[in-house]
Amino acid sequence: MNSPGQTSRSSKPELSSSAYLQPMRQLITVVQNLSLARDLETIMAIVRVAARELTHADGASFVLRDKDQCFYADEDAIAPLWKGQRFPMKICIGGWTMQNCQSVVIEDIYGDERIPFAAYQPTFVKSLAMVPIRTLDPVGAIGVYWAQHHQPTAQEVDLLQALADTTSVALENVQVYNELEQRVQERTLELEFANTQLREEIKERKRAEALIQQLSLTDELTGLNNRRGFLLFAEQQLKLAHRVNASVCVLFIDLDGLKQINDRLGHEMGDRLIADAAQALKQTFRESDVIARLGGDEFAVFVPGCVSGENIVSRLQENVKRFNDASKRPYFLSMSVGLTICEVDVTTSLEHMMAQADQLMYQHKRTKHPRY
């Protein structure tokens, strides 16, 4: 027997083959469109229109299961229905369809006890058909409605169920697509994070390499170039001077009395003397000049664009005197200096210039200290 208000689907004549062919063609087109859908909104837009057209209904709704509620997510109708509203599963005909995993046809809604009359009274609905989206554990339902009492044919309900089954597949495809897209996004973020870390590691490694390079070229006590740094940078400057026909000079400098200060005042005070000498050199020479502590009490300076060696030595000795006049150190700063100049039209090696300057420095030291 039919339930109250429910008319048998066999009470009306079935569609003829020719009348059935056109809806099937339409359904095939809908299936193709659903196969290309990549989000829920697109699926609902396709289904709400197709449901009406396949059943010649006055309205259609797309219902989603939301835990123990029916959510009327979308609709296409001649007048507003329940879009955006939620109803408990146990009092909603869509809930009955999903809970019982079967379609339902109601020719007279006011003759069926499963209909919440308060919700239907403001609407145009007189008859309806509702099919589950996925007959095994439904995730939603598709409802179609008529403004006049109407009994859809079995073929129309089958078409609506076929649309619902295809919708189920489309929803699963969207879920899979979204999961894959999420995985791609997560993997992309992981790769971006890894790349960021790699770039930071490369930067840190370059900074470390630069620091190591700097330390390998720098004298720890004075902050000046060490012997290696002097040979590297002075050689570069000398090659440039040869290309542009510029004169250069090399100074070889030796501190006077360092051994006596170490013996008398201790090596800590001797280190302070070396640091004071380095500071006097920094004050005397330009940033473009290459200043170095070669080791022990020996210093060297490479001066590109050198015109007068006497002026350079005089300026250095003035800075040394100024230091001694103002200093409260228990020692005097004194330097022996040897200087050699490479003129514009002369090509010589850095080693040769350093050897000449070293020899001149020792001659200067013997003059200042005959017993040396």
Protein backbone atom coordinates (compact mmCIF):
# COMPACT_ATOMS: atom_id res chain seq x y z
CA MET A 1 0.00 0.00 0.00
CA ASN A 2 1.05 3.56 -0.54
CA SER A 3 1.83 5.72 2.46
CA PRO A 4 -0.60 8.59 3.19
CA GLY A 5 -0.39 11.26 0.52
CA GLN A 6 1.97 9.17 -1.63
CA THR A 7 0.74 8.10 -5.05
CA SER A 8 2.01 4.98 -6.76
CA ARG A 9 4.65 5.70 -9.43
CA SER A 10 2.81 3.30 -11.77
CA SER A 11 -0.47 5.23 -11.67
CA LYS A 12 0.56 7.35 -14.68
CA PRO A 13 1.58 6.14 -18.13
CA GLU A 14 5.34 5.80 -18.76
CA LEU A 15 7.13 8.02 -21.23
CA SER A 16 7.36 6.77 -24.78
CA SER A 17 10.74 5.90 -26.23
CA SER A 18 10.86 9.11 -28.25
CA ALA A 19 9.86 11.19 -25.22
CA TYR A 20 12.49 9.41 -23.11
CA LEU A 21 15.30 9.90 -25.62
CA GLN A 22 15.48 13.70 -25.32
CA PRO A 23 15.84 13.73 -21.49
CA MET A 24 18.53 11.03 -21.78
CA ARG A 25 20.49 13.15 -24.22
CA GLN A 26 20.11 16.06 -21.83
CA LEU A 27 21.28 13.87 -18.93
CA ILE A 28 24.38 12.83 -20.90
CA THR A 29 25.28 16.48 -21.41
CA VAL A 30 24.78 17.11 -17.68
CA VAL A 31 27.00 14.12 -16.84
CA GLN A 32 29.75 15.52 -19.06
CA ASN A 33 29.47 18.94 -17.41
CA LEU A 34 29.56 17.41 -13.93
CA SER A 35 32.68 15.45 -14.82
CA LEU A 36 34.47 18.76 -15.41
CA ALA A 37 33.26 20.40 -12.19
CA ARG A 38 36.02 21.19 -9.68
CA ASP A 39 34.04 22.68 -6.80
CA LEU A 40 30.72 22.30 -4.99
CA GLU A 41 29.31 25.60 -6.27
CA THR A 42 29.70 24.49 -9.89
CA ILE A 43 28.08 21.14 -9.15
CA MET A 44 25.09 22.77 -7.47
CA ALA A 45 24.67 25.27 -10.31
CA ILE A 46 24.52 22.42 -12.85
CA VAL A 47 22.26 20.16 -10.80
CA ARG A 48 19.65 22.69 -9.72
CA VAL A 49 18.93 23.63 -13.34
CA ALA A 50 19.11 20.06 -14.68
CA ALA A 51 16.78 18.72 -12.00
CA ARG A 52 14.04 21.14 -13.02
CA GLU A 53 14.48 20.57 -16.73
CA LEU A 54 14.55 16.77 -16.49
CA THR A 55 11.32 16.65 -14.46
CA HIS A 56 9.59 19.79 -15.78
CA ALA A 57 9.35 20.96 -12.17
CA ASP A 58 8.67 24.47 -10.86
CA GLY A 59 11.53 24.30 -8.43
CA ALA A 60 14.54 22.27 -7.36
CA SER A 61 16.69 22.22 -4.24
CA PHE A 62 20.13 20.84 -3.47
CA VAL A 63 20.27 19.46 0.07
CA LEU A 64 23.46 18.49 1.91
CA ARG A 65 23.73 16.37 5.01
CA ASP A 66 25.30 18.34 7.87
CA LYS A 67 25.61 15.89 10.77
CA ASP A 68 22.03 15.56 12.09
CA GLN A 69 20.64 18.38 9.96
CA CYS A 70 19.55 18.96 6.38
CA PHE A 71 21.20 22.03 4.86
CA TYR A 72 19.38 23.48 1.86
CA ALA A 73 22.51 24.69 0.12
CA ASP A 74 21.07 25.85 -3.22
CA GLU A 75 17.87 26.08 -5.21
CA ASP A 76 16.34 27.06 -8.55
CA ALA A 77 12.59 27.84 -8.33
CA ILE A 78 9.79 30.13 -9.44
CA ALA A 79 9.70 31.51 -5.89
CA PRO A 80 11.95 31.28 -2.83
CA LEU A 81 12.07 27.95 -1.02
CA TRP A 82 14.54 27.24 1.83
CA LYS A 83 17.98 28.17 0.53
CA GLY A 84 20.44 28.66 3.39
CA GLN A 85 18.15 27.08 6.00
CA ARG A 86 18.75 23.99 8.14
CA PHE A 87 16.18 21.51 9.42
CA PRO A 88 16.60 18.51 11.73
CA MET A 89 16.93 15.28 9.77
CA LYS A 90 14.03 13.65 11.64
CA ILE A 91 11.44 16.28 10.59
CA CYS A 92 12.65 16.97 7.03
CA ILE A 93 11.61 14.97 3.98
CA GLY A 94 15.19 15.29 2.73
CA GLY A 95 16.30 13.73 6.01
CA TRP A 96 13.83 10.89 5.56
CA THR A 97 15.21 10.26 2.08
CA MET A 98 18.78 10.15 3.32
CA GLN A 99 18.04 8.06 6.40
CA ASN A 100 16.04 5.51 4.39
CA CYS A 101 18.40 5.61 1.38
CA GLN A 102 15.51 5.75 -1.08
CA SER A 103 13.54 8.16 -3.20
CA VAL A 104 10.13 9.50 -2.25
CA VAL A 105 7.29 10.93 -4.36
CA ILE A 106 4.50 12.91 -2.67
CA GLU A 107 1.67 14.11 -4.85
CA ASP A 108 -0.08 16.00 -2.03
CA ILE A 109 2.31 17.37 0.57
CA TYR A 110 -0.52 18.16 2.97
CA GLY A 111 -1.58 14.53 2.99
CA ASP A 112 1.80 13.18 4.13
CA GLU A 113 2.74 13.16 7.81
CA ARG A 114 6.48 13.39 6.98
CA ILE A 115 6.09 16.95 5.69
CA PRO A 116 6.74 19.85 8.14
CA PHE A 117 3.70 21.91 7.15
CA ALA A 118 4.93 25.11 8.82
CA ALA A 119 7.95 25.14 6.54
CA TYR A 120 5.93 24.45 3.38
CA GLN A 121 2.95 26.77 3.92
CA PRO A 122 4.79 29.95 2.80
CA THR A 123 5.89 28.25 -0.43
CA PHE A 124 4.21 27.36 -3.72
CA VAL A 125 4.86 23.65 -3.29
CA LYS A 126 1.93 21.21 -3.74
CA SER A 127 3.83 18.08 -4.88
CA LEU A 128 7.43 16.92 -4.67
CA ALA A 129 9.90 14.20 -5.42
CA MET A 130 13.11 13.68 -3.45
CA VAL A 131 16.01 11.34 -4.28
CA PRO A 132 19.16 10.60 -2.24
CA ILE A 133 22.61 11.61 -3.45
CA ARG A 134 24.29 8.21 -3.19
CA THR A 135 21.99 5.40 -2.12
CA LEU A 136 24.66 3.89 0.13
CA ASP A 137 25.25 6.27 3.04
CA PRO A 138 23.73 9.33 1.32
CA VAL A 139 25.54 12.67 1.57
CA GLY A 140 22.59 14.76 0.42
CA ALA A 141 19.40 14.82 -1.60
CA ILE A 142 17.89 16.47 -4.66
CA GLY A 143 14.32 17.68 -4.41
CA VAL A 144 12.00 18.86 -7.16
CA TYR A 145 8.69 20.64 -6.57
CA TRP A 146 5.52 21.50 -8.47
CA ALA A 147 3.07 24.35 -7.88
CA GLN A 148 0.14 22.09 -8.89
CA HIS A 149 -0.59 18.56 -7.82
CA HIS A 150 1.66 16.41 -9.95
CA GLN A 151 2.62 12.74 -10.12
CA PRO A 152 5.97 12.26 -11.91
CA THR A 153 6.44 9.15 -14.02
CA ALA A 154 8.77 6.36 -13.02
CA GLN A 155 11.13 7.34 -15.86
CA GLU A 156 11.29 10.93 -14.55
CA VAL A 157 12.14 9.73 -11.07
CA ASP A 158 14.74 7.37 -12.56
CA LEU A 159 16.25 10.29 -14.46
CA LEU A 160 16.35 12.31 -11.24
CA GLN A 161 18.00 9.42 -9.41
CA ALA A 162 20.52 9.04 -12.25
CA LEU A 163 21.28 12.75 -11.88
CA ALA A 164 21.73 12.24 -8.12
CA ASP A 165 24.04 9.26 -8.67
CA THR A 166 26.13 11.24 -11.12
CA THR A 167 26.19 14.12 -8.61
CA SER A 168 27.54 11.72 -6.00
CA VAL A 169 30.42 10.78 -8.29
CA ALA A 170 31.06 14.44 -9.08
CA LEU A 171 31.18 15.28 -5.35
CA GLU A 172 33.65 12.47 -4.73
CA ASN A 173 35.76 13.68 -7.67
CA VAL A 174 35.76 17.19 -6.21
CA GLN A 175 36.81 15.79 -2.84
CA VAL A 176 39.64 13.83 -4.45
CA TYR A 177 40.62 16.84 -6.56
CA ASN A 178 40.62 19.11 -3.51
CA GLU A 179 42.66 16.61 -1.52
CA LEU A 180 45.18 16.35 -4.33
CA GLU A 181 45.26 20.12 -4.68
CA GLN A 182 45.74 20.42 -0.92
CA ARG A 183 48.57 17.92 -1.08
CA VAL A 184 50.14 19.85 -3.94
CA GLN A 185 49.81 23.09 -1.97
CA GLU A 186 51.25 21.47 1.15
CA ARG A 187 54.08 19.95 -0.86
CA THR A 188 54.67 23.30 -2.56
CA LEU A 189 54.82 25.00 0.84
CA GLU A 190 57.19 22.31 2.08
CA LEU A 191 59.41 22.82 -0.95
CA GLU A 192 59.26 26.60 -0.57
CA PHE A 193 60.17 26.25 3.10
CA ALA A 194 62.98 23.85 2.24
CA ASN A 195 64.20 26.21 -0.49
CA THR A 196 64.07 29.12 1.94
CA GLN A 197 66.07 27.12 4.45
CA LEU A 198 68.51 26.12 1.72
CA ARG A 199 68.91 29.73 0.63
CA GLU A 200 69.50 30.77 4.24
CA GLU A 201 72.01 27.96 4.65
CA ILE A 202 73.78 29.06 1.48
CA LYS A 203 73.83 32.66 2.71
CA GLU A 204 75.11 31.52 6.09
CA ARG A 205 77.73 29.37 4.42
CA LYS A 206 78.81 32.29 2.24
CA ARG A 207 78.96 34.52 5.31
CA ALA A 208 81.02 31.88 7.08
CA GLU A 209 83.29 31.49 4.05
CA ALA A 210 83.65 35.27 3.83
CA LEU A 211 84.48 35.40 7.53
CA ILE A 212 87.01 32.59 7.16
CA GLN A 213 88.45 34.36 4.13
CA GLN A 214 88.65 37.58 6.10
CA LEU A 215 90.24 35.87 9.08
CA SER A 216 92.76 34.18 6.80
CA LEU A 217 93.77 37.59 5.45
CA THR A 218 93.56 39.58 8.68
CA ASP A 219 95.95 39.97 11.60
CA GLU A 220 94.01 39.17 14.75
CA LEU A 221 95.85 41.59 17.06
CA THR A 222 95.70 44.74 14.92
CA GLY A 223 92.85 44.15 12.47
CA LEU A 224 95.24 44.96 9.61
CA ASN A 225 95.96 42.65 6.70
CA ASN A 226 98.35 39.84 7.52
CA ARG A 227 101.19 38.82 5.21
CA ARG A 228 98.86 36.76 3.03
CA GLY A 229 96.34 39.57 2.76
CA PHE A 230 99.07 42.07 1.95
CA LEU A 231 100.50 39.96 -0.86
CA LEU A 232 97.02 39.38 -2.31
CA PHE A 233 95.70 42.95 -2.26
CA ALA A 234 99.00 44.68 -3.00
CA GLU A 235 99.54 42.44 -6.01
CA GLN A 236 96.09 43.41 -7.32
CA GLN A 237 96.86 47.11 -6.85
CA LEU A 238 100.25 46.74 -8.53
CA LYS A 239 98.72 45.11 -11.63
CA LEU A 240 96.19 47.93 -11.82
CA ALA A 241 98.95 50.53 -11.51
CA HIS A 242 100.87 48.91 -14.36
CA ARG A 243 97.76 49.04 -16.58
CA VAL A 244 97.07 52.73 -15.91
CA ASN A 245 100.76 53.78 -15.79
CA ALA A 246 100.62 54.95 -12.18
CA SER A 247 103.53 55.11 -9.76
CA VAL A 248 103.44 53.14 -6.50
CA CYS A 249 105.55 52.85 -3.39
CA VAL A 250 106.13 50.21 -0.73
CA LEU A 251 107.05 50.95 2.87
CA PHE A 252 108.69 48.39 5.11
CA ILE A 253 108.37 49.35 8.78
CA ASP A 254 109.93 47.86 11.88
CA LEU A 255 109.06 48.79 15.47
CA ASP A 256 112.01 49.90 17.58
CA GLY A 257 112.55 48.32 20.98
CA LEU A 258 109.75 45.73 21.00
CA LYS A 259 111.99 43.02 22.47
CA GLN A 260 113.12 45.26 25.32
CA ILE A 261 109.52 46.21 26.14
CA ASN A 262 108.47 42.54 26.14
CA ASP A 263 111.39 41.70 28.46
CA ARG A 264 110.90 44.70 30.76
CA LEU A 265 107.13 45.23 30.78
CA GLY A 266 105.75 41.91 29.58
CA HIS A 267 104.26 40.62 26.34
CA GLU A 268 100.86 42.14 27.05
CA MET A 269 102.43 45.59 26.97
CA GLY A 270 104.35 44.56 23.87
CA ASP A 271 101.07 43.67 22.17
CA ARG A 272 99.71 47.07 23.15
CA LEU A 273 102.73 48.71 21.49
CA ILE A 274 102.00 46.76 18.29
CA ALA A 275 98.34 47.86 18.40
CA ASP A 276 99.36 51.50 18.92
CA ALA A 277 101.66 51.28 15.91
CA ALA A 278 98.84 49.87 13.81
CA GLN A 279 96.59 52.75 14.87
CA ALA A 280 99.24 55.28 13.84
CA LEU A 281 99.49 53.61 10.44
CA LYS A 282 95.70 53.69 9.99
CA GLN A 283 95.69 57.42 10.79
CA THR A 284 98.47 58.08 8.30
CA PHE A 285 97.37 56.14 5.25
CA ARG A 286 94.23 56.11 3.09
CA GLU A 287 91.62 53.38 2.85
CA SER A 288 92.85 52.64 -0.66
CA ASP A 289 96.35 51.93 0.69
CA VAL A 290 97.15 48.37 1.69
CA ILE A 291 98.39 48.26 5.29
CA ALA A 292 99.60 45.02 6.85
CA ARG A 293 101.32 43.52 9.85
CA LEU A 294 103.66 40.95 8.35
CA GLY A 295 104.40 39.39 11.72
CA GLY A 296 106.14 40.21 14.97
CA ASP A 297 107.24 43.85 14.82
CA GLU A 298 107.20 44.14 11.01
CA PHE A 299 104.66 46.16 9.02
CA ALA A 300 104.29 46.94 5.32
CA VAL A 301 102.27 49.49 3.36
CA PHE A 302 101.52 49.56 -0.36
CA VAL A 303 100.60 53.04 -1.62
CA PRO A 304 99.17 53.36 -5.17
CA GLY A 305 99.49 56.73 -6.87
CA CYS A 306 102.49 57.63 -4.73
CA VAL A 307 104.18 60.89 -5.75
CA SER A 308 106.56 61.73 -2.90
CA GLY A 309 107.88 59.17 -0.46
CA GLU A 310 109.33 61.84 1.82
CA ASN A 311 105.90 63.36 2.45
CA ILE A 312 104.50 59.97 3.41
CA VAL A 313 107.32 59.23 5.87
CA SER A 314 107.09 62.73 7.36
CA ARG A 315 103.34 62.37 7.88
CA LEU A 316 103.85 59.00 9.59
CA GLN A 317 106.54 60.36 11.92
CA GLU A 318 104.32 63.33 12.81
CA ASN A 319 101.53 60.95 13.82
CA VAL A 320 104.03 58.92 15.88
CA LYS A 321 105.23 62.09 17.65
CA ARG A 322 101.64 63.19 18.28
CA PHE A 323 100.94 59.83 19.85
CA ASN A 324 103.99 60.00 22.11
CA ASP A 325 103.16 63.55 23.21
CA ALA A 326 99.61 62.58 24.21
CA SER A 327 100.22 59.04 25.43
CA LYS A 328 100.59 57.97 29.04
CA ARG A 329 102.07 54.63 28.04
CA PRO A 330 105.24 53.46 29.84
CA TYR A 331 107.02 53.38 26.48
CA PHE A 332 107.66 55.52 23.41
CA LEU A 333 106.50 54.50 19.97
CA SER A 334 109.33 54.46 17.44
CA MET A 335 109.53 53.09 13.90
CA SER A 336 112.28 52.46 11.39
CA VAL A 337 111.02 52.93 7.82
CA GLY A 338 112.31 51.85 4.46
CA LEU A 339 110.55 53.10 1.30
CA THR A 340 110.94 52.25 -2.36
CA ILE A 341 109.11 53.81 -5.30
CA CYS A 342 108.18 52.21 -8.62
CA GLU A 343 107.94 54.97 -11.21
CA VAL A 344 105.32 55.11 -13.99
CA ASP A 345 107.58 53.75 -16.73
CA VAL A 346 109.16 51.02 -14.62
CA THR A 347 107.75 47.52 -14.29
CA THR A 348 108.87 45.50 -11.27
CA SER A 349 107.51 42.81 -8.99
CA LEU A 350 106.02 43.29 -5.55
CA GLU A 351 108.60 40.92 -4.03
CA HIS A 352 111.43 43.00 -5.48
CA MET A 353 109.95 46.23 -4.09
CA MET A 354 109.44 44.65 -0.67
CA ALA A 355 113.03 43.40 -0.62
CA GLN A 356 114.33 46.88 -1.50
CA ALA A 357 112.17 48.54 1.16
CA ASP A 358 113.27 45.95 3.72
CA GLN A 359 116.92 46.65 2.97
CA LEU A 360 116.41 50.41 3.23
CA MET A 361 114.57 49.93 6.54
CA TYR A 362 117.53 48.07 8.04
CA GLN A 363 119.89 50.81 6.86
CA HIS A 364 117.63 53.34 8.58
CA LYS A 365 117.59 51.23 11.78
CA ARG A 366 121.39 50.93 11.82
CA THR A 367 121.63 54.68 11.46
CA LYS A 368 119.28 55.20 14.43
CA HIS A 369 120.80 52.40 16.48
CA PRO A 370 124.48 51.83 15.53
CA ARG A 371 124.70 48.69 17.73
CA TYR A 372 121.75 47.05 15.97
